[in-house]
C-alpha cells in the first residue's frame, strides 16, 4: 500500500480534516524545502506550510531553541528552557515537570543532518520515521476509542472498555 493510500485511509477512517505529517532524517536538505525566514522561529509555525503541501527541513542551526533540542540537534535544553516551556509557552505546567520529563524521556540524538517534515501522501521512496496528527480532540479520540473499547487484559480478570 502506498503512503498516498495510507493517508487517504487515515483521513477517511479517523475523520481528519487535514493530512497526517511524516517526519524523517536525511543527509541533505531537500531542494524544495522551506525554512525560517529569519534566524529564529518556531517549528510549530512552519507546520502550516506542510499542511499546505510544502516540505520543511530543520537542522542543527535551527533558530527554534526548543525545536532544536526536541529534534535531537542539541545536547540538552538551553538554560532557562524549563521556565520558558512552562511559564512562556505553557506546554507543561511547571518548570519542575519540564525537568522531570527531559530527564526521564530525553530526545534521541538526530539520526542525520536534516529533519524533514512533509505531508504523508508526499512520501514515495523514503519512509517516515514518525507520523504526526494535527487534529481536533474528537478525531484523536477516535483513534483510541476502538482499541480501548475492545481491549481485554491478558491473564487478568481486569477488563478495560465495553467489550461484549
N, C-alpha and C. Protein backbone atom coordinates (compact mmCIF):
# COMPACT_ATOMS: atom_id res chain seq x y z
N UNK A 1 0.86 -1.18 0.00
CA UNK A 1 0.00 0.00 0.00
C UNK A 1 0.90 1.24 0.00
N UNK A 2 0.59 2.19 -0.83
CA UNK A 2 1.40 3.41 -0.92
C UNK A 2 1.07 4.36 0.23
N UNK A 3 1.96 5.33 0.46
CA UNK A 3 1.72 6.32 1.50
C UNK A 3 0.53 7.20 1.13
N UNK A 4 0.29 7.40 -0.15
CA UNK A 4 -0.88 8.16 -0.58
C UNK A 4 -2.16 7.43 -0.16
N UNK A 5 -2.18 6.11 -0.35
CA UNK A 5 -3.35 5.32 0.04
C UNK A 5 -3.51 5.28 1.56
N UNK A 6 -2.40 5.16 2.27
CA UNK A 6 -2.45 5.16 3.73
C UNK A 6 -3.00 6.50 4.25
N UNK A 7 -2.52 7.59 3.67
CA UNK A 7 -3.01 8.91 4.08
C UNK A 7 -4.51 9.03 3.84
N UNK A 8 -4.97 8.63 2.65
CA UNK A 8 -6.41 8.70 2.35
C UNK A 8 -7.22 7.85 3.32
N UNK A 9 -6.73 6.65 3.62
CA UNK A 9 -7.42 5.75 4.54
C UNK A 9 -7.49 6.36 5.95
N UNK A 10 -6.39 6.92 6.43
CA UNK A 10 -6.38 7.54 7.75
C UNK A 10 -7.33 8.73 7.81
N UNK A 11 -7.28 9.57 6.80
CA UNK A 11 -8.14 10.76 6.77
C UNK A 11 -9.61 10.34 6.79
N UNK A 12 -9.96 9.35 5.98
CA UNK A 12 -11.36 8.93 5.89
C UNK A 12 -11.82 8.18 7.14
N UNK A 13 -11.00 7.26 7.63
CA UNK A 13 -11.46 6.42 8.74
C UNK A 13 -11.44 7.12 10.09
N UNK A 14 -10.53 8.05 10.27
CA UNK A 14 -10.46 8.77 11.54
C UNK A 14 -11.28 10.05 11.50
N UNK A 15 -11.54 10.54 10.30
CA UNK A 15 -12.30 11.78 10.18
C UNK A 15 -11.41 13.00 10.33
N UNK A 16 -10.19 12.90 9.85
CA UNK A 16 -9.26 14.03 9.93
C UNK A 16 -9.67 15.11 8.94
N UNK A 17 -9.39 16.36 9.29
CA UNK A 17 -9.67 17.44 8.36
C UNK A 17 -8.39 17.95 7.69
N UNK A 18 -7.29 17.23 7.90
CA UNK A 18 -6.02 17.57 7.26
C UNK A 18 -5.15 16.32 7.18
N UNK A 19 -4.15 16.39 6.36
CA UNK A 19 -3.28 15.23 6.14
C UNK A 19 -2.34 15.02 7.33
N UNK A 20 -2.07 13.76 7.67
CA UNK A 20 -1.03 13.50 8.66
C UNK A 20 0.32 13.96 8.11
N UNK A 21 1.23 14.29 9.00
CA UNK A 21 2.55 14.79 8.62
C UNK A 21 3.60 13.75 8.97
N UNK A 22 4.42 13.40 7.99
CA UNK A 22 5.52 12.47 8.21
C UNK A 22 6.80 13.23 8.50
N UNK A 23 7.66 12.59 9.29
CA UNK A 23 8.96 13.18 9.62
C UNK A 23 10.05 12.12 9.43
N UNK A 24 11.17 12.54 8.86
CA UNK A 24 12.32 11.64 8.72
C UNK A 24 13.60 12.46 8.66
N UNK A 25 14.70 11.83 9.02
CA UNK A 25 16.02 12.46 8.94
C UNK A 25 16.67 12.07 7.62
N UNK A 26 17.48 12.99 7.09
CA UNK A 26 18.25 12.67 5.90
C UNK A 26 19.51 13.53 5.85
N UNK A 27 20.45 13.13 4.98
CA UNK A 27 21.76 13.78 4.90
C UNK A 27 21.73 15.19 4.31
N UNK A 28 20.91 15.39 3.29
CA UNK A 28 20.91 16.68 2.60
C UNK A 28 19.54 17.36 2.71
N UNK A 29 19.57 18.67 2.62
CA UNK A 29 18.34 19.45 2.67
C UNK A 29 17.63 19.33 1.33
N UNK A 30 16.36 18.96 1.31
CA UNK A 30 15.65 18.88 0.03
C UNK A 30 15.65 20.23 -0.68
N UNK A 31 15.81 20.21 -1.98
CA UNK A 31 15.90 21.44 -2.77
C UNK A 31 14.64 22.30 -2.65
N UNK A 32 13.49 21.65 -2.49
CA UNK A 32 12.23 22.40 -2.44
C UNK A 32 11.79 22.75 -1.02
N UNK A 33 12.63 22.44 -0.03
CA UNK A 33 12.24 22.66 1.37
C UNK A 33 12.26 24.15 1.74
N UNK A 34 11.29 24.53 2.55
CA UNK A 34 11.27 25.89 3.10
C UNK A 34 11.72 25.80 4.55
N UNK A 35 12.07 26.95 5.09
CA UNK A 35 12.51 27.01 6.48
C UNK A 35 12.14 28.35 7.06
N UNK A 36 12.91 28.78 8.04
CA UNK A 36 12.64 30.05 8.70
C UNK A 36 13.05 31.22 7.81
N UNK A 37 12.26 32.28 7.82
CA UNK A 37 12.59 33.49 7.05
C UNK A 37 13.64 34.33 7.76
N UNK A 38 13.72 34.18 9.07
CA UNK A 38 14.73 34.89 9.86
C UNK A 38 15.54 33.85 10.62
N UNK A 39 16.47 34.29 11.44
CA UNK A 39 17.30 33.35 12.18
C UNK A 39 16.54 32.60 13.26
N UNK A 40 15.43 33.14 13.71
CA UNK A 40 14.66 32.47 14.74
C UNK A 40 13.24 32.22 14.23
N UNK A 41 12.58 31.32 14.88
CA UNK A 41 11.21 31.00 14.53
C UNK A 41 10.79 29.76 15.27
N UNK A 42 9.57 29.35 15.07
CA UNK A 42 9.01 28.20 15.77
C UNK A 42 8.68 27.10 14.77
N UNK A 43 9.11 25.89 15.06
CA UNK A 43 8.83 24.77 14.17
C UNK A 43 7.32 24.56 14.02
N UNK A 44 6.57 24.74 15.11
CA UNK A 44 5.12 24.58 15.01
C UNK A 44 4.53 25.53 13.98
N UNK A 45 5.05 26.74 13.89
CA UNK A 45 4.56 27.71 12.91
C UNK A 45 4.84 27.22 11.48
N UNK A 46 5.97 26.54 11.30
CA UNK A 46 6.31 26.03 9.97
C UNK A 46 5.38 24.90 9.52
N UNK A 47 4.74 24.24 10.47
CA UNK A 47 3.86 23.13 10.11
C UNK A 47 2.68 23.59 9.25
N UNK A 48 2.33 24.87 9.32
CA UNK A 48 1.28 25.40 8.44
C UNK A 48 1.69 25.23 6.98
N UNK A 49 2.97 25.45 6.70
CA UNK A 49 3.45 25.28 5.32
C UNK A 49 3.32 23.83 4.88
N UNK A 50 3.57 22.89 5.80
CA UNK A 50 3.43 21.47 5.47
C UNK A 50 1.97 21.15 5.18
N UNK A 51 1.06 21.68 5.98
CA UNK A 51 -0.37 21.45 5.73
C UNK A 51 -0.78 21.93 4.34
N UNK A 52 -0.10 22.95 3.83
CA UNK A 52 -0.42 23.48 2.50
C UNK A 52 0.32 22.75 1.39
N UNK A 53 1.06 21.69 1.76
CA UNK A 53 1.73 20.88 0.75
C UNK A 53 3.21 21.13 0.58
N UNK A 54 3.78 22.04 1.33
CA UNK A 54 5.21 22.32 1.23
C UNK A 54 6.01 21.35 2.08
N UNK A 55 7.28 21.21 1.78
CA UNK A 55 8.20 20.41 2.59
C UNK A 55 9.02 21.38 3.42
N UNK A 56 9.22 21.07 4.70
CA UNK A 56 10.11 21.90 5.50
C UNK A 56 11.26 21.03 6.00
N UNK A 57 12.38 21.68 6.27
CA UNK A 57 13.56 20.97 6.79
C UNK A 57 14.22 21.86 7.84
N UNK A 58 14.59 21.24 8.95
CA UNK A 58 15.32 21.95 10.00
C UNK A 58 16.59 21.17 10.32
N UNK A 59 17.61 21.90 10.72
CA UNK A 59 18.88 21.28 11.04
C UNK A 59 19.43 21.82 12.35
N UNK A 60 20.70 21.54 12.60
CA UNK A 60 21.34 21.91 13.85
C UNK A 60 21.40 23.42 14.06
N UNK A 61 21.30 24.20 12.98
CA UNK A 61 21.33 25.66 13.12
C UNK A 61 19.93 26.25 13.26
N UNK A 62 18.95 25.40 13.50
CA UNK A 62 17.56 25.83 13.66
C UNK A 62 17.46 26.90 14.74
N UNK A 63 16.78 28.00 14.43
CA UNK A 63 16.64 29.09 15.36
C UNK A 63 15.61 28.85 16.44
N UNK A 64 14.86 27.77 16.35
CA UNK A 64 13.88 27.40 17.36
C UNK A 64 14.62 26.57 18.41
N UNK A 65 14.97 27.20 19.53
CA UNK A 65 15.81 26.52 20.52
C UNK A 65 15.16 25.25 21.06
N UNK A 66 13.87 25.31 21.35
CA UNK A 66 13.17 24.13 21.82
C UNK A 66 13.11 23.06 20.75
N UNK A 67 12.79 23.48 19.53
CA UNK A 67 12.75 22.54 18.42
C UNK A 67 14.08 21.87 18.17
N UNK A 68 15.15 22.65 18.27
CA UNK A 68 16.49 22.10 18.08
C UNK A 68 16.75 21.00 19.13
N UNK A 69 16.34 21.26 20.37
CA UNK A 69 16.52 20.27 21.45
C UNK A 69 15.65 19.04 21.20
N UNK A 70 14.35 19.23 20.98
CA UNK A 70 13.43 18.10 20.84
C UNK A 70 13.66 17.31 19.56
N UNK A 71 14.23 17.92 18.54
CA UNK A 71 14.53 17.21 17.29
C UNK A 71 15.88 16.50 17.34
N UNK A 72 16.58 16.63 18.46
CA UNK A 72 17.82 15.89 18.66
C UNK A 72 19.08 16.58 18.18
N UNK A 73 18.99 17.87 17.90
CA UNK A 73 20.16 18.60 17.39
C UNK A 73 20.95 19.29 18.49
N UNK A 74 20.49 19.26 19.73
CA UNK A 74 21.20 19.90 20.84
C UNK A 74 21.47 18.85 21.91
N UNK A 75 22.55 18.99 22.62
CA UNK A 75 22.89 18.03 23.67
C UNK A 75 21.97 18.09 24.86
N UNK A 76 21.31 19.20 25.05
CA UNK A 76 20.41 19.37 26.18
C UNK A 76 19.64 20.65 26.02
N UNK A 77 18.70 20.91 26.92
CA UNK A 77 17.92 22.15 26.83
C UNK A 77 18.79 23.36 27.16
N UNK A 78 18.43 24.52 26.62
CA UNK A 78 19.17 25.73 26.93
C UNK A 78 18.82 26.20 28.34
N UNK A 79 19.68 26.99 28.91
CA UNK A 79 19.45 27.50 30.26
C UNK A 79 18.17 28.33 30.30
N UNK A 80 17.30 28.02 31.23
CA UNK A 80 16.03 28.70 31.34
C UNK A 80 14.92 28.09 30.51
N UNK A 81 15.23 27.00 29.81
CA UNK A 81 14.25 26.35 28.95
C UNK A 81 13.05 25.87 29.75
N UNK A 82 13.30 25.36 30.95
CA UNK A 82 12.20 24.87 31.78
C UNK A 82 11.21 25.97 32.14
N UNK A 83 11.73 27.17 32.39
CA UNK A 83 10.87 28.32 32.69
C UNK A 83 10.10 28.75 31.43
N UNK A 84 10.80 28.79 30.32
CA UNK A 84 10.18 29.22 29.07
C UNK A 84 9.06 28.28 28.63
N UNK A 85 9.31 26.97 28.70
CA UNK A 85 8.32 25.99 28.27
C UNK A 85 7.09 26.01 29.18
N UNK A 86 7.30 26.18 30.49
CA UNK A 86 6.16 26.14 31.41
C UNK A 86 5.47 27.48 31.56
N UNK A 87 6.22 28.55 31.72
CA UNK A 87 5.59 29.85 32.00
C UNK A 87 5.38 30.71 30.75
N UNK A 88 6.18 30.47 29.72
CA UNK A 88 6.04 31.25 28.50
C UNK A 88 5.13 30.59 27.49
N UNK A 89 5.46 29.34 27.13
CA UNK A 89 4.68 28.61 26.13
C UNK A 89 3.50 27.85 26.75
N UNK A 90 3.58 27.55 28.01
CA UNK A 90 2.53 26.81 28.74
C UNK A 90 2.32 25.40 28.19
N UNK A 91 3.40 24.77 27.72
CA UNK A 91 3.29 23.39 27.23
C UNK A 91 3.24 22.40 28.39
N UNK A 92 3.99 22.68 29.44
CA UNK A 92 3.97 21.86 30.64
C UNK A 92 3.69 22.77 31.83
N UNK A 93 3.08 22.21 32.87
CA UNK A 93 2.54 23.02 33.96
C UNK A 93 3.60 23.75 34.78
N UNK A 94 4.71 23.10 35.10
CA UNK A 94 5.71 23.72 35.97
C UNK A 94 7.12 23.48 35.43
N UNK A 95 8.08 24.32 35.82
CA UNK A 95 9.47 24.07 35.44
C UNK A 95 9.98 22.71 35.94
N UNK A 96 9.55 22.32 37.14
CA UNK A 96 9.98 21.03 37.69
C UNK A 96 9.47 19.88 36.81
N UNK A 97 8.24 19.97 36.35
CA UNK A 97 7.69 18.95 35.48
C UNK A 97 8.48 18.89 34.17
N UNK A 98 8.87 20.04 33.64
CA UNK A 98 9.69 20.08 32.42
C UNK A 98 10.99 19.32 32.64
N UNK A 99 11.69 19.63 33.72
CA UNK A 99 12.96 18.95 34.00
C UNK A 99 12.76 17.45 34.18
N UNK A 100 11.67 17.06 34.84
CA UNK A 100 11.39 15.65 35.06
C UNK A 100 11.15 14.93 33.73
N UNK A 101 10.37 15.56 32.85
CA UNK A 101 10.10 14.96 31.54
C UNK A 101 11.41 14.81 30.76
N UNK A 102 12.24 15.84 30.75
CA UNK A 102 13.50 15.77 29.99
C UNK A 102 14.44 14.72 30.56
N UNK A 103 14.47 14.59 31.88
CA UNK A 103 15.36 13.60 32.50
C UNK A 103 14.87 12.18 32.26
N UNK A 104 13.55 11.99 32.29
CA UNK A 104 13.00 10.64 32.11
C UNK A 104 12.87 10.25 30.64
N UNK A 105 12.68 11.22 29.78
CA UNK A 105 12.47 10.94 28.35
C UNK A 105 13.28 11.91 27.49
N UNK A 106 14.60 11.84 27.57
CA UNK A 106 15.38 12.77 26.74
C UNK A 106 15.20 12.44 25.26
N UNK A 107 15.18 13.45 24.42
CA UNK A 107 15.03 13.16 22.99
C UNK A 107 16.26 12.44 22.47
N UNK A 108 16.08 11.51 21.55
CA UNK A 108 17.25 10.83 20.96
C UNK A 108 18.04 11.81 20.10
N UNK A 109 19.29 11.51 19.91
CA UNK A 109 20.13 12.34 19.05
C UNK A 109 19.62 12.25 17.61
N UNK A 110 19.77 13.33 16.88
CA UNK A 110 19.35 13.36 15.47
C UNK A 110 20.07 12.27 14.70
N UNK A 111 19.33 11.57 13.86
CA UNK A 111 19.89 10.47 13.08
C UNK A 111 20.67 10.95 11.86
N UNK A 112 20.49 12.22 11.49
CA UNK A 112 21.20 12.76 10.32
C UNK A 112 21.18 14.28 10.39
N UNK A 113 21.65 14.94 9.34
CA UNK A 113 21.82 16.40 9.37
C UNK A 113 20.51 17.20 9.30
N UNK A 114 19.50 16.67 8.64
CA UNK A 114 18.25 17.40 8.44
C UNK A 114 17.05 16.57 8.89
N UNK A 115 16.11 17.23 9.53
CA UNK A 115 14.83 16.61 9.85
C UNK A 115 13.81 17.21 8.89
N UNK A 116 13.20 16.35 8.09
CA UNK A 116 12.29 16.78 7.04
C UNK A 116 10.85 16.46 7.45
N UNK A 117 9.96 17.43 7.23
CA UNK A 117 8.54 17.28 7.51
C UNK A 117 7.80 17.43 6.18
N UNK A 118 6.91 16.49 5.88
CA UNK A 118 6.08 16.62 4.68
C UNK A 118 4.79 15.85 4.89
N UNK A 119 3.80 16.20 4.08
CA UNK A 119 2.52 15.50 4.17
C UNK A 119 2.75 14.03 3.89
N UNK A 120 2.01 13.19 4.56
CA UNK A 120 2.20 11.74 4.44
C UNK A 120 2.09 11.27 3.00
N UNK A 121 1.15 11.84 2.25
CA UNK A 121 0.97 11.39 0.86
C UNK A 121 2.11 11.81 -0.06
N UNK A 122 3.01 12.65 0.41
CA UNK A 122 4.16 13.07 -0.40
C UNK A 122 5.30 12.04 -0.35
N UNK A 123 5.21 11.07 0.54
CA UNK A 123 6.27 10.06 0.64
C UNK A 123 6.19 9.08 -0.52
N UNK A 124 7.34 8.85 -1.15
CA UNK A 124 7.40 7.86 -2.23
C UNK A 124 8.54 6.88 -1.96
N UNK A 125 9.78 7.29 -1.99
CA UNK A 125 10.91 6.38 -1.80
C UNK A 125 11.35 6.25 -0.36
N UNK A 126 11.20 7.29 0.40
CA UNK A 126 11.61 7.31 1.80
C UNK A 126 10.39 7.02 2.67
N UNK A 127 10.63 6.40 3.82
CA UNK A 127 9.52 6.15 4.75
C UNK A 127 9.62 7.11 5.92
N UNK A 128 8.49 7.59 6.43
CA UNK A 128 8.53 8.45 7.61
C UNK A 128 8.95 7.64 8.83
N UNK A 129 9.70 8.29 9.72
CA UNK A 129 10.07 7.65 10.98
C UNK A 129 9.00 7.90 12.03
N UNK A 130 8.29 9.01 11.88
CA UNK A 130 7.23 9.40 12.80
C UNK A 130 6.10 9.98 11.96
N UNK A 131 4.87 9.74 12.38
CA UNK A 131 3.71 10.36 11.74
C UNK A 131 2.99 11.18 12.80
N UNK A 132 2.74 12.44 12.49
CA UNK A 132 2.11 13.37 13.42
C UNK A 132 0.70 13.68 12.93
N UNK A 133 -0.24 13.66 13.85
CA UNK A 133 -1.62 14.03 13.53
C UNK A 133 -1.93 15.35 14.20
N UNK A 134 -2.15 16.39 13.42
CA UNK A 134 -2.64 17.65 13.94
C UNK A 134 -4.14 17.59 13.73
N UNK A 135 -4.86 17.38 14.82
CA UNK A 135 -6.28 17.08 14.67
C UNK A 135 -7.10 17.65 15.82
N UNK A 136 -8.37 17.72 15.58
CA UNK A 136 -9.32 18.11 16.62
C UNK A 136 -9.32 17.02 17.70
N UNK A 137 -9.62 17.36 18.94
CA UNK A 137 -9.64 16.35 20.01
C UNK A 137 -10.57 15.17 19.73
N UNK A 138 -11.72 15.42 19.13
CA UNK A 138 -12.65 14.32 18.86
C UNK A 138 -12.07 13.33 17.84
N UNK A 139 -11.31 13.83 16.88
CA UNK A 139 -10.68 12.94 15.89
C UNK A 139 -9.58 12.11 16.55
N UNK A 140 -8.82 12.72 17.44
CA UNK A 140 -7.76 11.99 18.15
C UNK A 140 -8.39 10.89 19.01
N UNK A 141 -9.49 11.20 19.68
CA UNK A 141 -10.19 10.19 20.50
C UNK A 141 -10.65 9.02 19.64
N UNK A 142 -11.04 9.27 18.41
CA UNK A 142 -11.49 8.21 17.52
C UNK A 142 -10.38 7.21 17.23
N UNK A 143 -9.12 7.64 17.31
CA UNK A 143 -8.01 6.73 17.08
C UNK A 143 -7.94 5.70 18.20
N UNK A 144 -8.19 6.13 19.43
CA UNK A 144 -8.01 5.26 20.59
C UNK A 144 -9.27 4.56 21.06
N UNK A 145 -10.43 5.09 20.79
CA UNK A 145 -11.67 4.51 21.32
C UNK A 145 -11.88 3.07 20.87
N UNK A 146 -11.75 2.71 19.59
CA UNK A 146 -11.96 1.31 19.21
C UNK A 146 -10.97 0.37 19.90
N UNK A 147 -9.75 0.82 20.05
CA UNK A 147 -8.74 -0.02 20.71
C UNK A 147 -9.10 -0.20 22.17
N UNK A 148 -9.40 0.89 22.86
CA UNK A 148 -9.70 0.83 24.29
C UNK A 148 -11.00 0.08 24.55
N UNK A 149 -11.99 0.24 23.69
CA UNK A 149 -13.29 -0.38 23.95
C UNK A 149 -13.27 -1.89 23.71
N UNK A 150 -12.27 -2.40 23.02
CA UNK A 150 -12.20 -3.84 22.77
C UNK A 150 -11.00 -4.51 23.42
N UNK A 151 -10.38 -3.82 24.34
CA UNK A 151 -9.18 -4.35 24.98
C UNK A 151 -9.54 -5.20 26.19
N UNK A 152 -8.94 -6.34 26.30
CA UNK A 152 -9.09 -7.19 27.49
C UNK A 152 -7.68 -7.60 27.91
N UNK A 153 -7.35 -7.31 29.17
CA UNK A 153 -6.01 -7.64 29.67
C UNK A 153 -5.80 -9.15 29.63
N UNK A 154 -4.64 -9.57 29.18
CA UNK A 154 -4.29 -10.98 29.09
C UNK A 154 -3.90 -11.49 30.47
N UNK A 155 -4.32 -12.71 30.81
CA UNK A 155 -4.02 -13.33 32.11
C UNK A 155 -4.42 -12.46 33.28
N UNK A 156 -5.54 -11.83 33.18
CA UNK A 156 -6.00 -10.96 34.26
C UNK A 156 -7.53 -10.98 34.26
N UNK A 157 -8.07 -10.69 35.41
CA UNK A 157 -9.52 -10.58 35.50
C UNK A 157 -9.98 -9.17 35.21
N UNK A 158 -9.02 -8.25 35.07
CA UNK A 158 -9.37 -6.85 34.82
C UNK A 158 -9.73 -6.67 33.36
N UNK A 159 -10.83 -6.01 33.10
CA UNK A 159 -11.27 -5.73 31.75
C UNK A 159 -11.36 -4.22 31.58
N UNK A 160 -10.85 -3.73 30.48
CA UNK A 160 -10.94 -2.31 30.18
C UNK A 160 -11.89 -2.15 29.02
N UNK A 161 -12.76 -1.17 29.10
CA UNK A 161 -13.64 -0.87 27.98
C UNK A 161 -14.98 -1.55 28.07
N UNK A 162 -15.67 -1.58 26.95
CA UNK A 162 -17.05 -2.04 26.90
C UNK A 162 -17.21 -3.24 25.98
N UNK A 163 -16.22 -4.13 25.96
CA UNK A 163 -16.35 -5.26 25.03
C UNK A 163 -17.43 -6.21 25.52
N UNK A 164 -18.15 -6.80 24.60
CA UNK A 164 -19.30 -7.61 24.95
C UNK A 164 -18.93 -9.03 25.10
